[in-house]
Amino acid sequence: MRADKKRDLVKRRRWRIRKKVVGTVERPRMSVRFTNKNIYVQFIDDDAGNTLASVSTRAKSVDGLAANTAGAGEIGKLAGEAAKSAGIKTVVFDRSGARFHGKIKALADAAREAGISI
């Protein structure tokens, strides 16, 4: 498949998901984004347009983690701790167009183990 066609399909999938997934103050959106090198997790209140908490592999405190399944598990644990410190207990999971398996599943499972209800 051509690269531009693949990017277009991911973009359409992301838009389709975002039409249905909306975060509020009581239940913010947990947005997960993977690049080739990094993982980004944000807890977003879409009503006010605020980011309540965020974790990524680019932080200095999280040095040496890659964008693989093991790194996703560690970031999921850290995201759960960050959410707890911000007073977040339940979230709406936004996988940003990625399929729910592999790294995405590992991150979600680690966040559940940390105490977040997804």
PDB file of N, CA and C in Angstrom:
ATOM      1  N   MET A   1       0.840  -1.169   0.000  1.00  0.00           N
ATOM      2  CA  MET A   1       0.000   0.000   0.000  1.00  0.00           C
ATOM      3  C   MET A   1       0.893   1.243   0.000  1.00  0.00           C
ATOM      4  N   ARG A   2       0.493   2.257  -0.751  1.00  0.00           N
ATOM      5  CA  ARG A   2       1.262   3.487  -0.821  1.00  0.00           C
ATOM      6  C   ARG A   2       1.231   4.218   0.512  1.00  0.00           C
ATOM      7  N   ALA A   3       2.304   4.919   0.821  1.00  0.00           N
ATOM      8  CA  ALA A   3       2.432   5.586   2.117  1.00  0.00           C
ATOM      9  C   ALA A   3       1.375   6.668   2.296  1.00  0.00           C
ATOM     10  N   ASP A   4       1.069   7.434   1.247  1.00  0.00           N
ATOM     11  CA  ASP A   4       0.072   8.491   1.382  1.00  0.00           C
ATOM     12  C   ASP A   4      -1.324   7.920   1.602  1.00  0.00           C
ATOM     13  N   LYS A   5      -1.624   6.801   0.998  1.00  0.00           N
ATOM     14  CA  LYS A   5      -2.910   6.148   1.206  1.00  0.00           C
ATOM     15  C   LYS A   5      -3.029   5.641   2.648  1.00  0.00           C
ATOM     16  N   LYS A   6      -1.923   5.094   3.168  1.00  0.00           N
ATOM     17  CA  LYS A   6      -1.913   4.572   4.532  1.00  0.00           C
ATOM     18  C   LYS A   6      -2.109   5.706   5.547  1.00  0.00           C
ATOM     19  N   ARG A   7      -1.424   6.839   5.326  1.00  0.00           N
ATOM     20  CA  ARG A   7      -1.592   8.000   6.207  1.00  0.00           C
ATOM     21  C   ARG A   7      -3.016   8.510   6.165  1.00  0.00           C
ATOM     22  N   ASP A   8      -3.628   8.507   4.975  1.00  0.00           N
ATOM     23  CA  ASP A   8      -5.002   8.965   4.836  1.00  0.00           C
ATOM     24  C   ASP A   8      -5.963   8.054   5.591  1.00  0.00           C
ATOM     25  N   LEU A   9      -5.739   6.756   5.546  1.00  0.00           N
ATOM     26  CA  LEU A   9      -6.600   5.827   6.270  1.00  0.00           C
ATOM     27  C   LEU A   9      -6.482   6.013   7.782  1.00  0.00           C
ATOM     28  N   VAL A  10      -5.274   6.243   8.274  1.00  0.00           N
ATOM     29  CA  VAL A  10      -5.085   6.483   9.707  1.00  0.00           C
ATOM     30  C   VAL A  10      -5.761   7.785  10.116  1.00  0.00           C
ATOM     31  N   LYS A  11      -5.639   8.818   9.267  1.00  0.00           N
ATOM     32  CA  LYS A  11      -6.268  10.100   9.569  1.00  0.00           C
ATOM     33  C   LYS A  11      -7.785   9.966   9.637  1.00  0.00           C
ATOM     34  N   ARG A  12      -8.360   9.230   8.696  1.00  0.00           N
ATOM     35  CA  ARG A  12      -9.804   9.023   8.701  1.00  0.00           C
ATOM     36  C   ARG A  12     -10.244   8.229   9.932  1.00  0.00           C
ATOM     37  N   ARG A  13      -9.473   7.220  10.304  1.00  0.00           N
ATOM     38  CA  ARG A  13      -9.792   6.428  11.493  1.00  0.00           C
ATOM     39  C   ARG A  13      -9.729   7.309  12.737  1.00  0.00           C
ATOM     40  N   ARG A  14      -8.729   8.194  12.813  1.00  0.00           N
ATOM     41  CA  ARG A  14      -8.585   9.106  13.950  1.00  0.00           C
ATOM     42  C   ARG A  14      -9.783  10.037  14.042  1.00  0.00           C
ATOM     43  N   TRP A  15     -10.219  10.590  12.917  1.00  0.00           N
ATOM     44  CA  TRP A  15     -11.379  11.483  12.905  1.00  0.00           C
ATOM     45  C   TRP A  15     -12.654  10.748  13.321  1.00  0.00           C
ATOM     46  N   ARG A  16     -12.804   9.508  12.845  1.00  0.00           N
ATOM     47  CA  ARG A  16     -13.985   8.719  13.170  1.00  0.00           C
ATOM     48  C   ARG A  16     -14.063   8.451  14.678  1.00  0.00           C
ATOM     49  N   ILE A  17     -12.925   8.187  15.280  1.00  0.00           N
ATOM     50  CA  ILE A  17     -12.884   7.945  16.719  1.00  0.00           C
ATOM     51  C   ILE A  17     -13.163   9.233  17.484  1.00  0.00           C
ATOM     52  N   ARG A  18     -12.556  10.346  17.071  1.00  0.00           N
ATOM     53  CA  ARG A  18     -12.691  11.609  17.792  1.00  0.00           C
ATOM     54  C   ARG A  18     -14.100  12.179  17.744  1.00  0.00           C
ATOM     55  N   LYS A  19     -14.906  11.783  16.749  1.00  0.00           N
ATOM     56  CA  LYS A  19     -16.301  12.226  16.721  1.00  0.00           C
ATOM     57  C   LYS A  19     -17.065  11.661  17.911  1.00  0.00           C
ATOM     58  N   LYS A  20     -16.668  10.489  18.375  1.00  0.00           N
ATOM     59  CA  LYS A  20     -17.411   9.784  19.418  1.00  0.00           C
ATOM     60  C   LYS A  20     -16.792   9.940  20.805  1.00  0.00           C
ATOM     61  N   VAL A  21     -15.493  10.179  20.882  1.00  0.00           N
ATOM     62  CA  VAL A  21     -14.785  10.207  22.155  1.00  0.00           C
ATOM     63  C   VAL A  21     -14.590  11.656  22.591  1.00  0.00           C
ATOM     64  N   VAL A  22     -15.241  12.046  23.698  1.00  0.00           N
ATOM     65  CA  VAL A  22     -15.156  13.408  24.210  1.00  0.00           C
ATOM     66  C   VAL A  22     -14.869  13.334  25.700  1.00  0.00           C
ATOM     67  N   GLY A  23     -13.892  14.103  26.150  1.00  0.00           N
ATOM     68  CA  GLY A  23     -13.527  14.125  27.556  1.00  0.00           C
ATOM     69  C   GLY A  23     -14.193  15.263  28.296  1.00  0.00           C
ATOM     70  N   THR A  24     -14.515  15.027  29.564  1.00  0.00           N
ATOM     71  CA  THR A  24     -15.091  16.043  30.439  1.00  0.00           C
ATOM     72  C   THR A  24     -14.206  16.161  31.675  1.00  0.00           C
ATOM     73  N   VAL A  25     -14.594  17.039  32.598  1.00  0.00           N
ATOM     74  CA  VAL A  25     -13.813  17.190  33.821  1.00  0.00           C
ATOM     75  C   VAL A  25     -13.891  15.920  34.655  1.00  0.00           C
ATOM     76  N   GLU A  26     -15.081  15.311  34.748  1.00  0.00           N
ATOM     77  CA  GLU A  26     -15.254  14.105  35.547  1.00  0.00           C
ATOM     78  C   GLU A  26     -14.586  12.896  34.898  1.00  0.00           C
ATOM     79  N   ARG A  27     -14.606  12.848  33.565  1.00  0.00           N
ATOM     80  CA  ARG A  27     -14.058  11.717  32.824  1.00  0.00           C
ATOM     81  C   ARG A  27     -13.268  12.248  31.617  1.00  0.00           C
ATOM     82  N   PRO A  28     -11.999  12.626  31.836  1.00  0.00           N
ATOM     83  CA  PRO A  28     -11.219  13.203  30.738  1.00  0.00           C
ATOM     84  C   PRO A  28     -10.818  12.168  29.692  1.00  0.00           C
ATOM     85  N   ARG A  29     -10.409  12.674  28.557  1.00  0.00           N
ATOM     86  CA  ARG A  29      -9.956  11.820  27.457  1.00  0.00           C
ATOM     87  C   ARG A  29      -8.480  11.506  27.646  1.00  0.00           C
ATOM     88  N   MET A  30      -8.150  10.210  27.621  1.00  0.00           N
ATOM     89  CA  MET A  30      -6.757   9.779  27.710  1.00  0.00           C
ATOM     90  C   MET A  30      -6.272   9.566  26.280  1.00  0.00           C
ATOM     91  N   SER A  31      -5.565  10.552  25.758  1.00  0.00           N
ATOM     92  CA  SER A  31      -5.084  10.511  24.386  1.00  0.00           C
ATOM     93  C   SER A  31      -3.707   9.883  24.350  1.00  0.00           C
ATOM     94  N   VAL A  32      -3.543   8.833  23.528  1.00  0.00           N
ATOM     95  CA  VAL A  32      -2.286   8.110  23.410  1.00  0.00           C
ATOM     96  C   VAL A  32      -1.785   8.256  21.985  1.00  0.00           C
ATOM     97  N   ARG A  33      -0.522   8.665  21.852  1.00  0.00           N
ATOM     98  CA  ARG A  33       0.058   8.837  20.524  1.00  0.00           C
ATOM     99  C   ARG A  33       1.447   8.208  20.498  1.00  0.00           C
ATOM    100  N   PHE A  34       1.694   7.354  19.541  1.00  0.00           N
ATOM    101  CA  PHE A  34       2.984   6.712  19.359  1.00  0.00           C
ATOM    102  C   PHE A  34       3.653   7.284  18.120  1.00  0.00           C
ATOM    103  N   THR A  35       4.928   7.621  18.237  1.00  0.00           N
ATOM    104  CA  THR A  35       5.752   7.924  17.080  1.00  0.00           C
ATOM    105  C   THR A  35       6.774   6.798  16.975  1.00  0.00           C
ATOM    106  N   ASN A  36       7.692   6.903  16.043  1.00  0.00           N
ATOM    107  CA  ASN A  36       8.695   5.850  15.906  1.00  0.00           C
ATOM    108  C   ASN A  36       9.621   5.772  17.116  1.00  0.00           C
ATOM    109  N   LYS A  37       9.844   6.903  17.799  1.00  0.00           N
ATOM    110  CA  LYS A  37      10.790   6.936  18.910  1.00  0.00           C
ATOM    111  C   LYS A  37      10.165   7.190  20.268  1.00  0.00           C
ATOM    112  N   ASN A  38       8.991   7.822  20.329  1.00  0.00           N
ATOM    113  CA  ASN A  38       8.433   8.279  21.599  1.00  0.00           C
ATOM    114  C   ASN A  38       6.974   7.892  21.771  1.00  0.00           C
ATOM    115  N   ILE A  39       6.532   7.985  23.031  1.00  0.00           N
ATOM    116  CA  ILE A  39       5.143   7.733  23.414  1.00  0.00           C
ATOM    117  C   ILE A  39       4.658   8.968  24.159  1.00  0.00           C
ATOM    118  N   TYR A  40       3.474   9.437  23.829  1.00  0.00           N
ATOM    119  CA  TYR A  40       2.878  10.597  24.479  1.00  0.00           C
ATOM    120  C   TYR A  40       1.503  10.217  25.008  1.00  0.00           C
ATOM    121  N   VAL A  41       1.233  10.567  26.273  1.00  0.00           N
ATOM    122  CA  VAL A  41      -0.077  10.328  26.889  1.00  0.00           C
ATOM    123  C   VAL A  41      -0.525  11.636  27.518  1.00  0.00           C
ATOM    124  N   GLN A  42      -1.763  12.055  27.209  1.00  0.00           N
ATOM    125  CA  GLN A  42      -2.321  13.276  27.785  1.00  0.00           C
ATOM    126  C   GLN A  42      -3.718  12.986  28.303  1.00  0.00           C
ATOM    127  N   PHE A  43      -4.068  13.636  29.408  1.00  0.00           N
ATOM    128  CA  PHE A  43      -5.414  13.584  29.951  1.00  0.00           C
ATOM    129  C   PHE A  43      -6.042  14.938  29.684  1.00  0.00           C
ATOM    130  N   ILE A  44      -7.078  14.967  28.829  1.00  0.00           N
ATOM    131  CA  ILE A  44      -7.586  16.218  28.269  1.00  0.00           C
ATOM    132  C   ILE A  44      -9.054  16.409  28.629  1.00  0.00           C
ATOM    133  N   ASP A  45      -9.382  17.624  29.081  1.00  0.00           N
ATOM    134  CA  ASP A  45     -10.761  18.062  29.285  1.00  0.00           C
ATOM    135  C   ASP A  45     -11.175  18.817  28.031  1.00  0.00           C
ATOM    136  N   ASP A  46     -11.982  18.190  27.182  1.00  0.00           N
ATOM    137  CA  ASP A  46     -12.355  18.800  25.903  1.00  0.00           C
ATOM    138  C   ASP A  46     -13.334  19.949  26.060  1.00  0.00           C
ATOM    139  N   ASP A  47     -14.116  19.970  27.139  1.00  0.00           N
ATOM    140  CA  ASP A  47     -15.064  21.060  27.346  1.00  0.00           C
ATOM    141  C   ASP A  47     -14.333  22.394  27.529  1.00  0.00           C
ATOM    142  N   ALA A  48     -13.283  22.377  28.348  1.00  0.00           N
ATOM    143  CA  ALA A  48     -12.523  23.598  28.595  1.00  0.00           C
ATOM    144  C   ALA A  48     -11.306  23.721  27.691  1.00  0.00           C
ATOM    145  N   GLY A  49     -10.902  22.622  27.050  1.00  0.00           N
ATOM    146  CA  GLY A  49      -9.723  22.643  26.188  1.00  0.00           C
ATOM    147  C   GLY A  49      -8.425  22.638  26.975  1.00  0.00           C
ATOM    148  N   ASN A  50      -8.425  21.995  28.155  1.00  0.00           N
ATOM    149  CA  ASN A  50      -7.243  21.972  29.021  1.00  0.00           C
ATOM    150  C   ASN A  50      -6.637  20.580  29.090  1.00  0.00           C
ATOM    151  N   THR A  51      -5.328  20.530  29.191  1.00  0.00           N
ATOM    152  CA  THR A  51      -4.631  19.288  29.478  1.00  0.00           C
ATOM    153  C   THR A  51      -4.448  19.211  30.986  1.00  0.00           C
ATOM    154  N   LEU A  52      -5.005  18.157  31.598  1.00  0.00           N
ATOM    155  CA  LEU A  52      -4.974  18.026  33.047  1.00  0.00           C
ATOM    156  C   LEU A  52      -3.676  17.389  33.539  1.00  0.00           C
ATOM    157  N   ALA A  53      -3.142  16.434  32.783  1.00  0.00           N
ATOM    158  CA  ALA A  53      -1.881  15.779  33.128  1.00  0.00           C
ATOM    159  C   ALA A  53      -1.299  15.196  31.848  1.00  0.00           C
ATOM    160  N   SER A  54       0.010  14.996  31.842  1.00  0.00           N
ATOM    161  CA  SER A  54       0.643  14.404  30.664  1.00  0.00           C
ATOM    162  C   SER A  54       1.906  13.658  31.070  1.00  0.00           C
ATOM    163  N   VAL A  55       2.240  12.639  30.279  1.00  0.00           N
ATOM    164  CA  VAL A  55       3.443  11.838  30.478  1.00  0.00           C
ATOM    165  C   VAL A  55       3.979  11.504  29.093  1.00  0.00           C
ATOM    166  N   SER A  56       5.306  11.517  28.939  1.00  0.00           N
ATOM    167  CA  SER A  56       5.892  11.105  27.673  1.00  0.00           C
ATOM    168  C   SER A  56       7.276  10.518  27.923  1.00  0.00           C
ATOM    169  N   THR A  57       7.799   9.843  26.925  1.00  0.00           N
ATOM    170  CA  THR A  57       9.133   9.271  27.027  1.00  0.00           C
ATOM    171  C   THR A  57      10.208  10.336  26.832  1.00  0.00           C
ATOM    172  N   ARG A  58       9.831  11.540  26.474  1.00  0.00           N
ATOM    173  CA  ARG A  58      10.800  12.621  26.286  1.00  0.00           C
ATOM    174  C   ARG A  58      11.156  13.320  27.590  1.00  0.00           C
ATOM    175  N   ALA A  59      10.450  13.018  28.678  1.00  0.00           N
ATOM    176  CA  ALA A  59      10.739  13.645  29.964  1.00  0.00           C
ATOM    177  C   ALA A  59      12.103  13.184  30.479  1.00  0.00           C
ATOM    178  N   LYS A  60      12.784  14.057  31.190  1.00  0.00           N
ATOM    179  CA  LYS A  60      14.113  13.725  31.700  1.00  0.00           C
ATOM    180  C   LYS A  60      14.046  12.652  32.782  1.00  0.00           C
ATOM    181  N   SER A  61      12.937  12.599  33.510  1.00  0.00           N
ATOM    182  CA  SER A  61      12.797  11.591  34.569  1.00  0.00           C
ATOM    183  C   SER A  61      12.572  10.191  33.995  1.00  0.00           C
ATOM    184  N   VAL A  62      12.162  10.106  32.751  1.00  0.00           N
ATOM    185  CA  VAL A  62      11.892   8.823  32.090  1.00  0.00           C
ATOM    186  C   VAL A  62      12.912   8.646  30.980  1.00  0.00           C
ATOM    187  N   ASP A  63      14.133   8.376  31.348  1.00  0.00           N
ATOM    188  CA  ASP A  63      15.191   8.273  30.352  1.00  0.00           C
ATOM    189  C   ASP A  63      15.413   6.813  29.986  1.00  0.00           C
ATOM    190  N   GLY A  64      15.598   6.550  28.715  1.00  0.00           N
ATOM    191  CA  GLY A  64      15.936   5.209  28.265  1.00  0.00           C
ATOM    192  C   GLY A  64      14.765   4.353  27.817  1.00  0.00           C
ATOM    193  N   LEU A  65      13.556   4.885  27.801  1.00  0.00           N
ATOM    194  CA  LEU A  65      12.409   4.106  27.334  1.00  0.00           C
ATOM    195  C   LEU A  65      12.213   4.323  25.841  1.00  0.00           C
ATOM    196  N   ALA A  66      11.894   3.260  25.139  1.00  0.00           N
ATOM    197  CA  ALA A  66      11.650   3.335  23.702  1.00  0.00           C
ATOM    198  C   ALA A  66      10.158   3.170  23.433  1.00  0.00           C
ATOM    199  N   ALA A  67       9.766   3.366  22.193  1.00  0.00           N
ATOM    200  CA  ALA A  67       8.370   3.234  21.797  1.00  0.00           C
ATOM    201  C   ALA A  67       8.076   1.789  21.420  1.00  0.00           C
ATOM    202  N   ASN A  68       8.272   0.880  22.367  1.00  0.00           N
ATOM    203  CA  ASN A  68       7.959  -0.519  22.149  1.00  0.00           C
ATOM    204  C   ASN A  68       7.001  -0.995  23.231  1.00  0.00           C
ATOM    205  N   THR A  69       6.710  -2.276  23.275  1.00  0.00           N
ATOM    206  CA  THR A  69       5.721  -2.799  24.216  1.00  0.00           C
ATOM    207  C   THR A  69       6.190  -2.627  25.660  1.00  0.00           C
ATOM    208  N   ALA A  70       7.462  -2.854  25.922  1.00  0.00           N
ATOM    209  CA  ALA A  70       7.981  -2.688  27.282  1.00  0.00           C
ATOM    210  C   ALA A  70       7.900  -1.228  27.726  1.00  0.00           C
ATOM    211  N   GLY A  71       8.269  -0.319  26.830  1.00  0.00           N
ATOM    212  CA  GLY A  71       8.173   1.107  27.135  1.00  0.00           C
ATOM    213  C   GLY A  71       6.739   1.551  27.326  1.00  0.00           C
ATOM    214  N   ALA A  72       5.834   0.974  26.561  1.00  0.00           N
ATOM    215  CA  ALA A  72       4.415   1.314  26.693  1.00  0.00           C
ATOM    216  C   ALA A  72       3.889   0.898  28.058  1.00  0.00           C
ATOM    217  N   GLY A  73       4.333  -0.254  28.554  1.00  0.00           N
ATOM    218  CA  GLY A  73       3.910  -0.695  29.876  1.00  0.00           C
ATOM    219  C   GLY A  73       4.390   0.249  30.968  1.00  0.00           C
ATOM    220  N   GLU A  74       5.630   0.701  30.867  1.00  0.00           N
ATOM    221  CA  GLU A  74       6.171   1.630  31.863  1.00  0.00           C
ATOM    222  C   GLU A  74       5.465   2.984  31.804  1.00  0.00           C
ATOM    223  N   ILE A  75       5.228   3.476  30.599  1.00  0.00           N
ATOM    224  CA  ILE A  75       4.532   4.758  30.446  1.00  0.00           C
ATOM    225  C   ILE A  75       3.093   4.635  30.941  1.00  0.00           C
ATOM    226  N   GLY A  76       2.464   3.478  30.748  1.00  0.00           N
ATOM    227  CA  GLY A  76       1.115   3.263  31.266  1.00  0.00           C
ATOM    228  C   GLY A  76       1.073   3.363  32.779  1.00  0.00           C
ATOM    229  N   LYS A  77       2.073   2.796  33.450  1.00  0.00           N
ATOM    230  CA  LYS A  77       2.152   2.899  34.916  1.00  0.00           C
ATOM    231  C   LYS A  77       2.346   4.347  35.344  1.00  0.00           C
ATOM    232  N   LEU A  78       3.253   5.048  34.665  1.00  0.00           N
ATOM    233  CA  LEU A  78       3.500   6.452  34.997  1.00  0.00           C
ATOM    234  C   LEU A  78       2.274   7.320  34.713  1.00  0.00           C
ATOM    235  N   ALA A  79       1.558   6.999  33.650  1.00  0.00           N
ATOM    236  CA  ALA A  79       0.337   7.747  33.330  1.00  0.00           C
ATOM    237  C   ALA A  79      -0.717   7.531  34.415  1.00  0.00           C
ATOM    238  N   GLY A  80      -0.812   6.304  34.920  1.00  0.00           N
ATOM    239  CA  GLY A  80      -1.751   6.031  36.003  1.00  0.00           C
ATOM    240  C   GLY A  80      -1.415   6.814  37.259  1.00  0.00           C
ATOM    241  N   GLU A  81      -0.130   6.898  37.586  1.00  0.00           N
ATOM    242  CA  GLU A  81       0.297   7.667  38.754  1.00  0.00           C
ATOM    243  C   GLU A  81       0.037   9.158  38.558  1.00  0.00           C
ATOM    244  N   ALA A  82       0.294   9.669  37.349  1.00  0.00           N
ATOM    245  CA  ALA A  82       0.051  11.082  37.066  1.00  0.00           C
ATOM    246  C   ALA A  82      -1.437  11.404  37.144  1.00  0.00           C
ATOM    247  N   ALA A  83      -2.264  10.475  36.677  1.00  0.00           N
ATOM    248  CA  ALA A  83      -3.708  10.689  36.730  1.00  0.00           C
ATOM    249  C   ALA A  83      -4.198  10.692  38.176  1.00  0.00           C
ATOM    250  N   LYS A  84      -3.691   9.781  38.978  1.00  0.00           N
ATOM    251  CA  LYS A  84      -4.079   9.740  40.397  1.00  0.00           C
ATOM    252  C   LYS A  84      -3.699  11.035  41.104  1.00  0.00           C
ATOM    253  N   SER A  85      -2.517  11.549  40.814  1.00  0.00           N
ATOM    254  CA  SER A  85      -2.087  12.787  41.460  1.00  0.00           C
ATOM    255  C   SER A  85      -2.923  13.985  41.003  1.00  0.00           C
ATOM    256  N   ALA A  86      -3.490  13.902  39.809  1.00  0.00           N
ATOM    257  CA  ALA A  86      -4.366  14.971  39.318  1.00  0.00           C
ATOM    258  C   ALA A  86      -5.818  14.759  39.734  1.00  0.00           C
ATOM    259  N   GLY A  87      -6.106  13.658  40.436  1.00  0.00           N
ATOM    260  CA  GLY A  87      -7.463  13.392  40.906  1.00  0.00           C
ATOM    261  C   GLY A  87      -8.351  12.732  39.869  1.00  0.00           C
ATOM    262  N   ILE A  88      -7.762  12.056  38.897  1.00  0.00           N
ATOM    263  CA  ILE A  88      -8.513  11.405  37.829  1.00  0.00           C
ATOM    264  C   ILE A  88      -8.650   9.924  38.151  1.00  0.00           C
ATOM    265  N   LYS A  89      -9.897   9.421  38.111  1.00  0.00           N
ATOM    266  CA  LYS A  89     -10.135   8.008  38.403  1.00  0.00           C
ATOM    267  C   LYS A  89     -10.627   7.237  37.185  1.00  0.00           C
ATOM    268  N   THR A  90     -11.476   7.871  36.366  1.00  0.00           N
ATOM    269  CA  THR A  90     -11.992   7.217  35.162  1.00  0.00           C
ATOM    270  C   THR A  90     -11.677   8.081  33.952  1.00  0.00           C
ATOM    271  N   VAL A  91     -11.414   7.433  32.821  1.00  0.00           N
ATOM    272  CA  VAL A  91     -11.065   8.152  31.592  1.00  0.00           C
ATOM    273  C   VAL A  91     -11.793   7.533  30.410  1.00  0.00           C
ATOM    274  N   VAL A  92     -11.806   8.284  29.318  1.00  0.00           N
ATOM    275  CA  VAL A  92     -12.257   7.793  28.022  1.00  0.00           C
ATOM    276  C   VAL A  92     -10.992   7.578  27.209  1.00  0.00           C
ATOM    277  N   PHE A  93     -10.788   6.389  26.669  1.00  0.00           N
ATOM    278  CA  PHE A  93      -9.535   6.041  26.003  1.00  0.00           C
ATOM    279  C   PHE A  93      -9.590   6.435  24.536  1.00  0.00           C
ATOM    280  N   ASP A  94      -8.640   7.269  24.113  1.00  0.00           N
ATOM    281  CA  ASP A  94      -8.514   7.703  22.717  1.00  0.00           C
ATOM    282  C   ASP A  94      -7.216   7.132  22.174  1.00  0.00           C
ATOM    283  N   ARG A  95      -7.317   6.161  21.280  1.00  0.00           N
ATOM    284  CA  ARG A  95      -6.133   5.478  20.765  1.00  0.00           C
ATOM    285  C   ARG A  95      -5.552   6.164  19.534  1.00  0.00           C
ATOM    286  N   SER A  96      -6.112   7.274  19.117  1.00  0.00           N
ATOM    287  CA  SER A  96      -5.594   8.119  18.029  1.00  0.00           C
ATOM    288  C   SER A  96      -5.424   7.382  16.713  1.00  0.00           C
ATOM    289  N   GLY A  97      -6.364   6.545  16.376  1.00  0.00           N
ATOM    290  CA  GLY A  97      -6.340   5.875  15.083  1.00  0.00           C
ATOM    291  C   GLY A  97      -5.572   4.583  15.059  1.00  0.00           C
ATOM    292  N   ALA A  98      -4.856   4.245  16.124  1.00  0.00           N
ATOM    293  CA  ALA A  98      -4.094   2.995  16.155  1.00  0.00           C
ATOM    294  C   ALA A  98      -5.029   1.844  16.521  1.00  0.00           C
ATOM    295  N   ARG A  99      -4.693   0.664  16.087  1.00  0.00           N
ATOM    296  CA  ARG A  99      -5.501  -0.502  16.418  1.00  0.00           C
ATOM    297  C   ARG A  99      -5.209  -0.938  17.842  1.00  0.00           C
ATOM    298  N   PHE A 100      -6.200  -1.513  18.502  1.00  0.00           N
ATOM    299  CA  PHE A 100      -6.053  -1.887  19.920  1.00  0.00           C
ATOM    300  C   PHE A 100      -5.411  -3.264  20.023  1.00  0.00           C
ATOM    301  N   HIS A 101      -4.100  -3.307  19.895  1.00  0.00           N
ATOM    302  CA  HIS A 101      -3.320  -4.513  20.147  1.00  0.00           C
ATOM    303  C   HIS A 101      -1.874  -4.083  20.305  1.00  0.00           C
ATOM    304  N   GLY A 102      -1.047  -4.963  20.800  1.00  0.00           N
ATOM    305  CA  GLY A 102       0.377  -4.668  20.925  1.00  0.00           C
ATOM    306  C   GLY A 102       0.661  -3.571  21.924  1.00  0.00           C
ATOM    307  N   LYS A 103       1.280  -2.480  21.449  1.00  0.00           N
ATOM    308  CA  LYS A 103       1.709  -1.396  22.325  1.00  0.00           C
ATOM    309  C   LYS A 103       0.533  -0.682  22.983  1.00  0.00           C
ATOM    310  N   ILE A 104      -0.526  -0.458  22.218  1.00  0.00           N
ATOM    311  CA  ILE A 104      -1.694   0.235  22.757  1.00  0.00           C
ATOM    312  C   ILE A 104      -2.327  -0.597  23.867  1.00  0.00           C
ATOM    313  N   LYS A 105      -2.452  -1.886  23.647  1.00  0.00           N
ATOM    314  CA  LYS A 105      -3.038  -2.775  24.648  1.00  0.00           C
ATOM    315  C   LYS A 105      -2.164  -2.840  25.892  1.00  0.00           C
ATOM    316  N   ALA A 106      -0.842  -2.898  25.729  1.00  0.00           N
ATOM    317  CA  ALA A 106       0.073  -2.942  26.866  1.00  0.00           C
ATOM    318  C   ALA A 106      -0.037  -1.673  27.700  1.00  0.00           C
ATOM    319  N   LEU A 107      -0.137  -0.520  27.043  1.00  0.00           N
ATOM    320  CA  LEU A 107      -0.260   0.742  27.758  1.00  0.00           C
ATOM    321  C   LEU A 107      -1.588   0.809  28.515  1.00  0.00           C
ATOM    322  N   ALA A 108      -2.672   0.406  27.883  1.00  0.00           N
ATOM    323  CA  ALA A 108      -3.986   0.436  28.531  1.00  0.00           C
ATOM    324  C   ALA A 108      -4.038  -0.517  29.725  1.00  0.00           C
ATOM    325  N   ASP A 109      -3.475  -1.714  29.575  1.00  0.00           N
ATOM    326  CA  ASP A 109      -3.475  -2.682  30.675  1.00  0.00           C
ATOM    327  C   ASP A 109      -2.648  -2.175  31.858  1.00  0.00           C
ATOM    328  N   ALA A 110      -1.504  -1.547  31.583  1.00  0.00           N
ATOM    329  CA  ALA A 110      -0.671  -1.008  32.655  1.00  0.00           C
ATOM    330  C   ALA A 110      -1.366   0.141  33.362  1.00  0.00           C
ATOM    331  N   ALA A 111      -2.095   0.963  32.631  1.00  0.00           N
ATOM    332  CA  ALA A 111      -2.841   2.066  33.235  1.00  0.00           C
ATOM    333  C   ALA A 111      -3.970   1.513  34.104  1.00  0.00           C
ATOM    334  N   ARG A 112      -4.622   0.452  33.659  1.00  0.00           N
ATOM    335  CA  ARG A 112      -5.667  -0.186  34.482  1.00  0.00           C
ATOM    336  C   ARG A 112      -5.092  -0.729  35.774  1.00  0.00           C
ATOM    337  N   GLU A 113      -3.921  -1.369  35.691  1.00  0.00           N
ATOM    338  CA  GLU A 113      -3.276  -1.912  36.878  1.00  0.00           C
ATOM    339  C   GLU A 113      -2.870  -0.802  37.844  1.00  0.00           C
ATOM    340  N   ALA A 114      -2.571   0.365  37.329  1.00  0.00           N
ATOM    341  CA  ALA A 114      -2.196   1.506  38.164  1.00  0.00           C
ATOM    342  C   ALA A 114      -3.402   2.146  38.848  1.00  0.00           C
ATOM    343  N   GLY A 115      -4.601   1.729  38.469  1.00  0.00           N
ATOM    344  CA  GLY A 115      -5.793   2.214  39.168  1.00  0.00           C
ATOM    345  C   GLY A 115      -6.720   3.087  38.366  1.00  0.00           C
ATOM    346  N   ILE A 116      -6.504   3.229  37.067  1.00  0.00           N
ATOM    347  CA  ILE A 116      -7.397   4.040  36.231  1.00  0.00           C
ATOM    348  C   ILE A 116      -8.471   3.135  35.638  1.00  0.00           C
ATOM    349  N   SER A 117      -9.699   3.583  35.677  1.00  0.00           N
ATOM    350  CA  SER A 117     -10.790   2.827  35.058  1.00  0.00           C
ATOM    351  C   SER A 117     -10.977   3.344  33.636  1.00  0.00           C
ATOM    352  N   ILE A 118     -10.700   2.457  32.673  1.00  0.00           N
ATOM    353  CA  ILE A 118     -10.818   2.831  31.248  1.00  0.00           C
ATOM    354  C   ILE A 118     -12.089   2.229  30.688  1.00  0.00           C
TER     355      ILE A 118
END
